[in-house]
Protein backbone atom coordinates (compact mmCIF):
# COMPACT_ATOMS: atom_id res chain seq x y z
CA UNK A 1 111.61 88.49 117.40
CA UNK A 2 108.81 86.83 115.44
CA UNK A 3 105.37 87.87 114.22
CA UNK A 4 102.79 85.79 116.10
CA UNK A 5 99.58 87.27 114.68
CA UNK A 6 98.20 89.98 112.40
CA UNK A 7 94.87 91.31 113.54
CA UNK A 8 92.47 93.62 111.70
CA UNK A 9 90.02 95.84 113.55
CA UNK A 10 87.43 98.04 111.86
CA UNK A 11 86.27 101.21 113.55
CA UNK A 12 83.59 103.62 112.35
CA UNK A 13 82.44 107.17 113.00
CA UNK A 14 78.95 108.42 112.17
CA UNK A 15 79.08 111.56 110.02
CA UNK A 16 76.64 114.43 110.20
CA UNK A 17 76.91 116.12 107.75
CA UNK A 18 78.08 113.26 105.49
CA UNK A 19 80.80 113.41 102.88
CA UNK A 20 79.37 115.52 100.03
CA UNK A 21 78.61 113.92 96.69
CA UNK A 22 81.30 116.09 95.12
CA UNK A 23 83.88 114.02 97.04
CA UNK A 24 82.35 110.61 96.53
CA UNK A 25 79.64 109.45 94.05
CA UNK A 26 78.15 107.45 96.94
CA UNK A 27 78.02 109.93 99.85
CA UNK A 28 78.74 108.19 103.14
CA UNK A 29 77.28 108.86 106.55
CA UNK A 30 79.87 106.62 108.20
CA UNK A 31 83.63 107.02 108.02
CA UNK A 32 85.35 103.66 108.48
CA UNK A 33 88.96 102.88 109.25
CA UNK A 34 90.69 99.51 109.27
CA UNK A 35 93.45 99.20 111.87
CA UNK A 36 96.22 96.64 111.41
CA UNK A 37 97.85 95.20 114.54
CA UNK A 38 101.08 93.19 114.10
CA UNK A 39 101.77 91.26 117.31
CA UNK A 40 105.12 89.73 118.24
CA UNK A 41 106.49 87.16 120.65
CA UNK A 42 108.38 89.91 122.50
CA UNK A 43 105.26 91.85 123.41
CA UNK A 44 105.61 94.67 120.87
CA UNK A 45 102.62 95.53 118.68
CA UNK A 46 102.85 97.66 115.56
CA UNK A 47 99.83 99.59 114.30
CA UNK A 48 99.02 100.75 110.79
CA UNK A 49 96.02 102.02 108.83
CA UNK A 50 95.05 103.88 105.70
CA UNK A 51 93.26 101.38 103.44
CA UNK A 52 90.56 98.73 103.81
CA UNK A 53 92.82 95.59 103.83
CA UNK A 54 89.92 93.67 102.25
CA UNK A 55 90.94 90.09 101.51
CA UNK A 56 94.23 90.25 103.40
CA UNK A 57 93.42 87.17 105.46
CA UNK A 58 94.33 85.00 102.46
CA UNK A 59 97.93 86.28 102.63
CA UNK A 60 98.48 86.54 106.37
CA UNK A 61 100.45 83.28 106.42
CA UNK A 62 103.18 84.90 104.30
CA UNK A 63 104.14 87.09 107.26
CA UNK A 64 103.34 85.17 110.45
CA UNK A 65 106.37 83.59 112.18
CA UNK A 66 108.72 85.91 110.26
CA UNK A 67 111.08 88.53 111.65
CA UNK A 68 109.05 91.80 111.67
CA UNK A 69 112.24 93.82 111.17
CA UNK A 70 113.06 92.16 107.82
CA UNK A 71 111.36 95.08 106.10
CA UNK A 72 112.90 94.67 102.65
CA UNK A 73 111.62 91.08 102.51
CA UNK A 74 108.12 92.11 103.60
CA UNK A 75 107.98 94.91 101.04
CA UNK A 76 108.94 92.53 98.25
CA UNK A 77 106.20 90.14 99.34
CA UNK A 78 103.63 92.95 99.44
CA UNK A 79 104.67 93.94 95.93
CA UNK A 80 103.95 90.43 94.68
CA UNK A 81 100.53 90.52 96.34
CA UNK A 82 99.58 93.84 94.70
CA UNK A 83 99.75 92.07 91.31
CA UNK A 84 97.04 89.62 92.37
CA UNK A 85 95.00 91.51 94.96
CA UNK A 86 94.83 94.83 96.79
CA UNK A 87 97.55 97.11 98.06
CA UNK A 88 98.18 96.19 101.69
CA UNK A 89 100.64 98.95 102.56
CA UNK A 90 99.04 99.64 105.98
CA UNK A 91 100.72 96.39 107.03
CA UNK A 92 104.09 97.88 106.12
CA UNK A 93 103.20 100.97 108.15
CA UNK A 94 102.58 98.71 111.16
CA UNK A 95 105.95 97.04 110.61
CA UNK A 96 107.72 100.42 110.55
CA UNK A 97 105.84 101.29 113.74
CA UNK A 98 107.29 98.13 115.25
CA UNK A 99 110.77 98.94 113.98
CA UNK A 100 110.70 102.35 115.63
CA UNK A 101 109.48 100.83 118.87
CA UNK A 102 112.23 98.21 118.78
CA UNK A 103 114.85 100.96 118.41
CA UNK A 104 113.10 103.33 120.81
CA UNK A 105 112.99 106.15 118.23
CA UNK A 106 110.43 107.79 115.91
CA UNK A 107 110.23 106.01 112.57
CA UNK A 108 111.41 109.19 110.83
CA UNK A 109 114.80 108.59 112.49
CA UNK A 110 115.04 105.24 110.70
CA UNK A 111 114.01 106.84 107.38
CA UNK A 112 116.70 109.51 107.35
CA UNK A 113 115.91 112.00 110.12
CA UNK A 114 116.13 115.01 107.82
CA UNK A 115 113.53 117.09 109.70
CA UNK A 116 111.64 117.10 112.98
CA UNK A 117 108.70 119.18 111.79
CA UNK A 118 107.22 120.29 108.48
CA UNK A 119 105.12 123.26 107.38
CA UNK A 120 101.70 122.08 106.23
CA UNK A 121 99.16 123.29 103.71
CA UNK A 122 95.42 123.08 104.33
CA UNK A 123 94.11 120.61 101.78
CA UNK A 124 90.45 121.38 101.06
CA UNK A 125 87.92 119.40 99.04
CA UNK A 126 84.44 120.90 99.27
CA UNK A 127 83.10 122.73 96.21
CA UNK A 128 82.02 126.17 97.41
CA UNK A 129 81.12 129.46 95.78
CA UNK A 130 84.01 131.89 95.18
CA UNK A 131 82.88 134.14 98.05
CA UNK A 132 82.59 131.19 100.45
CA UNK A 133 85.99 129.82 99.47
CA UNK A 134 87.62 133.24 99.90
CA UNK A 135 86.10 133.46 103.38
CA UNK A 136 87.42 130.04 104.35
CA UNK A 137 90.88 130.96 103.04
CA UNK A 138 91.00 134.01 105.32
CA UNK A 139 89.96 131.82 108.25
CA UNK A 140 92.74 129.35 107.45
CA UNK A 141 95.26 132.18 107.34
CA UNK A 142 94.13 133.26 110.79
CA UNK A 143 94.78 129.72 112.04
CA UNK A 144 98.40 129.92 110.90
CA UNK A 145 98.34 128.21 107.51
CA UNK A 146 100.65 129.76 104.94
CA UNK A 147 99.35 127.69 102.04
CA UNK A 148 96.19 125.91 100.96
CA UNK A 149 95.01 123.68 98.13
CA UNK A 150 91.78 124.18 96.21
CA UNK A 151 90.01 121.47 94.28
CA UNK A 152 88.61 122.21 90.82
CA UNK A 153 85.85 119.90 89.62
CA UNK A 154 86.31 119.01 85.97
CA UNK A 155 82.57 119.50 85.44
CA UNK A 156 82.74 123.05 86.86
CA UNK A 157 86.07 124.41 85.70
CA UNK A 158 84.83 128.01 85.43
CA UNK A 159 83.56 127.98 89.02
CA UNK A 160 86.82 126.47 90.22
CA UNK A 161 88.87 129.11 88.45
CA UNK A 162 86.63 131.81 89.94
CA UNK A 163 87.35 130.36 93.41
CA UNK A 164 91.10 130.56 92.80
CA UNK A 165 90.75 134.17 91.69
CA UNK A 166 88.62 135.04 94.72
CA UNK A 167 91.09 133.44 97.12
CA UNK A 168 94.04 135.19 95.50
CA UNK A 169 92.23 138.52 95.74
CA UNK A 170 91.40 137.86 99.41
CA UNK A 171 94.82 136.67 100.63
CA UNK A 172 97.11 138.51 98.22
CA UNK A 173 100.66 137.23 98.54
CA UNK A 174 100.24 136.14 102.17
CA UNK A 175 99.36 132.55 101.22
CA UNK A 176 100.45 130.14 98.52
CA UNK A 177 97.70 128.45 96.52
CA UNK A 178 97.92 124.98 95.01
CA UNK A 179 95.21 123.65 92.69
CA UNK A 180 94.07 120.04 92.29
CA UNK A 181 92.33 119.11 89.04
CA UNK A 182 91.85 115.44 90.07
CA UNK A 183 92.33 113.98 86.59
CA UNK A 184 94.78 111.32 87.73
CA UNK A 185 92.26 108.71 88.94
CA UNK A 186 88.59 108.17 89.68
CA UNK A 187 86.59 107.13 92.72
CA UNK A 188 84.60 103.87 92.29
CA UNK A 189 81.55 104.57 90.16
CA UNK A 190 82.88 107.82 88.68
CA UNK A 191 82.92 107.24 84.91
CA UNK A 192 83.23 110.83 83.76
CA UNK A 193 85.46 111.29 80.69
CA UNK A 194 88.79 113.05 81.11
CA UNK A 195 88.96 116.75 80.42
CA UNK A 196 89.91 117.75 76.90
CA UNK A 197 93.48 118.85 76.37
CA UNK A 198 92.54 122.34 75.22
CA UNK A 199 90.50 122.93 78.39
CA UNK A 200 93.48 121.90 80.52
CA UNK A 201 95.90 124.09 78.58
CA UNK A 202 93.66 127.16 78.87
CA UNK A 203 93.20 126.55 82.59
CA UNK A 204 96.93 126.14 83.13
CA UNK A 205 97.60 129.45 81.42
CA UNK A 206 95.12 131.27 83.63
CA UNK A 207 96.52 129.61 86.75
CA UNK A 208 100.00 130.75 85.78
CA UNK A 209 98.73 134.33 85.86
CA UNK A 210 97.44 133.68 89.40
CA UNK A 211 100.88 132.45 90.50
CA UNK A 212 99.75 129.04 91.77
CA UNK A 213 102.19 126.88 93.70
CA UNK A 214 101.37 123.90 91.50
CA UNK A 215 98.65 122.33 89.34
CA UNK A 216 97.97 118.82 90.56
CA UNK A 217 97.00 115.88 88.37
CA UNK A 218 95.94 117.68 85.19
CA UNK A 219 96.61 114.30 83.52
CA UNK A 220 97.25 110.77 84.83
CA UNK A 221 100.87 109.91 85.64
CA UNK A 222 100.47 107.06 83.14
CA UNK A 223 100.90 109.79 80.50
CA UNK A 224 104.38 111.15 81.28
CA UNK A 225 104.87 112.51 77.77
CA UNK A 226 101.62 114.49 77.93
CA UNK A 227 102.54 115.86 81.35
CA UNK A 228 106.01 116.84 80.15
CA UNK A 229 104.55 118.68 77.15
CA UNK A 230 101.99 120.49 79.31
CA UNK A 231 104.67 121.42 81.84
CA UNK A 232 106.93 122.86 79.14
CA UNK A 233 104.12 124.70 77.36
CA UNK A 234 102.27 126.11 80.38
CA UNK A 235 105.27 126.90 82.58
CA UNK A 236 103.09 126.00 85.57
CA UNK A 237 104.64 123.62 88.14
CA UNK A 238 102.89 120.25 87.93
CA UNK A 239 102.27 117.73 90.71
CA UNK A 240 101.00 114.16 90.75
CA UNK A 241 101.57 110.52 91.53
CA UNK A 242 99.48 110.20 94.69
CA UNK A 243 97.84 106.89 93.72
CA UNK A 244 100.40 105.31 91.42
CA UNK A 245 100.44 101.53 91.61
CA UNK A 246 104.15 101.04 90.88
CA UNK A 247 107.44 102.85 91.43
CA UNK A 248 108.17 102.30 87.73
CA UNK A 249 105.36 104.72 86.89
CA UNK A 250 106.94 107.37 89.10
CA UNK A 251 110.38 106.73 87.63
CA UNK A 252 108.97 107.09 84.11
CA UNK A 253 107.66 110.53 85.02
CA UNK A 254 111.00 111.46 86.56
CA UNK A 255 112.88 110.33 83.46
CA UNK A 256 110.49 112.30 81.22
CA UNK A 257 110.83 115.40 83.44
CA UNK A 258 107.04 115.36 83.67
CA UNK A 259 106.43 116.70 87.18
CA UNK A 260 107.84 119.25 89.58
CA UNK A 261 106.25 117.71 92.69
CA UNK A 262 105.85 113.98 93.39
CA UNK A 263 103.12 112.87 95.81
CA UNK A 264 102.92 109.06 96.27
CA UNK A 265 100.95 108.19 99.40
CA UNK A 266 102.93 105.75 101.54
CA UNK A 267 99.85 103.80 102.68
CA UNK A 268 97.90 103.90 99.40
CA UNK A 269 100.42 103.93 96.55
CA UNK A 270 103.85 102.31 96.89
CA UNK A 271 104.55 101.87 100.61
CA UNK A 272 106.92 103.61 103.01
CA UNK A 273 110.22 102.07 101.95
CA UNK A 274 109.67 102.56 98.23
CA UNK A 275 108.32 106.06 98.80
CA UNK A 276 111.50 106.91 100.69
CA UNK A 277 113.73 105.44 97.99
CA UNK A 278 111.89 107.26 95.22
CA UNK A 279 111.83 110.51 97.20
CA UNK A 280 115.62 110.47 97.43
CA UNK A 281 115.88 110.02 93.64
CA UNK A 282 113.41 112.83 93.00
CA UNK A 283 115.11 115.20 95.42
CA UNK A 284 118.51 114.41 93.92
CA UNK A 285 117.04 115.38 90.52
CA UNK A 286 115.96 118.76 91.83
CA UNK A 287 112.30 117.85 92.13
CA UNK A 288 110.07 118.06 95.20
CA UNK A 289 108.47 115.29 97.20
CA UNK A 290 105.41 115.75 99.41
CA UNK A 291 103.07 112.79 99.82
CA UNK A 292 99.30 112.65 99.55
CA UNK A 293 97.79 112.11 103.03
CA UNK A 294 94.00 111.82 102.58
CA UNK A 295 93.32 108.66 104.56
CA UNK A 296 93.05 109.03 108.34
CA UNK A 297 95.19 110.12 111.28
CA UNK A 298 97.34 106.99 111.21
CA UNK A 299 97.90 107.34 107.46
CA UNK A 300 98.82 110.98 108.01
CA UNK A 301 101.33 109.95 110.70
CA UNK A 302 102.91 107.35 108.39
CA UNK A 303 103.33 109.89 105.60
CA UNK A 304 104.62 112.50 108.07
CA UNK A 305 107.34 110.08 109.20
CA UNK A 306 108.42 109.42 105.58
CA UNK A 307 108.29 113.10 104.66
CA UNK A 308 110.30 114.16 107.71
CA UNK A 309 112.75 111.32 107.16
CA UNK A 310 113.69 112.38 103.63
CA UNK A 311 113.23 116.15 103.93
CA UNK A 312 109.99 116.71 101.99
CA UNK A 313 108.63 120.05 100.95
CA UNK A 314 107.78 122.75 100.40
CA UNK A 315 104.78 121.72 102.55
CA UNK A 316 103.14 118.55 103.81
CA UNK A 317 99.48 117.97 102.94
CA UNK A 318 97.16 118.44 105.93
CA UNK A 319 93.57 117.40 105.05
CA UNK A 320 91.42 120.10 106.58
CA UNK A 321 88.17 121.65 105.37
CA UNK A 322 85.74 122.31 108.21
CA UNK A 323 82.97 121.61 108.94
CA UNK A 324 82.97 118.54 106.66
CA UNK A 325 86.55 117.47 107.27
CA UNK A 326 88.13 118.22 110.63
CA UNK A 327 90.93 116.69 112.72
CA UNK A 328 88.28 115.20 115.01
CA UNK A 329 86.71 113.31 112.11
CA UNK A 330 89.92 112.36 110.34
CA UNK A 331 91.68 111.19 113.52
CA UNK A 332 88.74 109.74 115.46
CA UNK A 333 90.73 106.58 116.25
CA UNK A 334 93.51 108.57 117.94
CA UNK A 335 93.58 109.73 121.54
CA UNK A 336 94.29 113.28 120.33
CA UNK A 337 93.76 114.60 116.78
CA UNK A 338 96.80 115.87 114.92
CA UNK A 339 97.04 119.65 114.63
CA UNK A 340 99.68 122.04 113.34
CA UNK A 341 101.16 124.57 115.73
CA UNK A 342 100.48 128.30 115.62
CA UNK A 343 103.22 128.75 113.00
CA UNK A 344 101.65 126.20 110.65
CA UNK A 345 104.05 123.29 111.35
CA UNK A 346 103.28 119.66 112.13
CA UNK A 347 105.87 117.99 114.35
CA UNK A 348 106.96 114.37 114.33
CA UNK A 349 105.68 112.85 117.60
CA UNK A 350 108.45 112.10 120.09
CA UNK A 351 107.03 108.64 120.82
CA UNK A 352 108.82 105.58 119.33
CA UNK A 353 107.46 104.27 116.04
CA UNK A 354 104.83 106.16 114.10
CA UNK A 355 103.71 107.96 117.25
CA UNK A 356 100.26 106.35 117.43
CA UNK A 357 98.23 106.63 120.61
CA UNK A 358 94.80 105.09 120.14
CA UNK A 359 91.62 106.40 121.71
C-alpha cells in the first residue's frame, strides 16, 4: 500500500456566542478545523485533525508514495519537521486511522488495548462568579459527571479560589475537582507575566485544604526543578505537559519527579506514538497519564484511542462548558457529537481506526 495524496480541508462553524476573551485574547466568532485526508492506492483514506497544518504543503513530498503503515518512519520525519516548522501531528493521527482500518480494528487495539471505555471529567473554561460556577457543577453532576476541572485566571486568583470553594460546598464529596492555573503556556498575543512564586505557593496550600484532584500547570514543564519543589512543599498533586514540544521535556519532569499527572496532547504536543511510549514510562513509574483534549472531536477521538490503549486515568478530559462549549460545537465536523454515557464514561468507537464518521 502506498500514499497517493495528502489533502487538507478546512471547515468552519459560526459561533454565537463567540469564544470569550478570557479564553482567547482575540475572541473568535468562527471555529475552524483543518481535516487531513491521507489517500492510498488501495482505496483506504485516513482522517486526522487537531491543529491548523499551516505550511504543510512544503513537506507533503516527504510522505507521498511511502507505505502509510511505516509509522515509526513517519513519526521520525515529523519530528525533524517540528524543528523547522509547525507540529503536524494530525497527519500522524490520520496514519493511525489508516492503520486501524487496514487491520479492521479500533486504533486503541493497536496501541495496547488496555481499556474499552474511560471515565471522563468535564473540563470547563469560562470564568464565572462563584455562585454561577457552583450551579453549573450541580448540573454537571446531574448529567453523570463524577469530576470536573475549573480554570483559575492568573489575573483573578481570588475569584478562582472562591469558585473552587463554592463548588466544593455545593457538591461535597460527590465530585472530584481539578484546578487549572494555565501557567504552562500562552495563547498568541497573551504577554502577561507569570504568577509570582509566593502567590502560587499560597494558592496551592489553600487548594490542598479543598482536597483538589490536582493543580494543573502552576509552572511551565520547562522548569522541572521548580515543579518538583512546589510538589514536595505543597503536597498537592501536580499535572502538566499538555503542550510540550519534545518528549525530552516530559522525561526531564519524570526524572525530577516533578508531576503526578502527565497530559501531552497527541495531536498538539508529541504525537500518538510518542505519547503512548511516554505514557508507558510514566505509568511504570507510578505516575498518571491523561492527555489534554481541547482541539475538536477528531482530536478528542485520537487522544481517546491513545488513552484507552495504554490505560490512562483517573479520568479522560472531556471539554464541556455549555453554552459556550458544547459537543455540537466541538464536534461539528462529525456525524454525531461525542458524549459520555449516563455513568460518565466515554467508549472507544467500535469502528476501525479512530472511529471517525464525518458529517
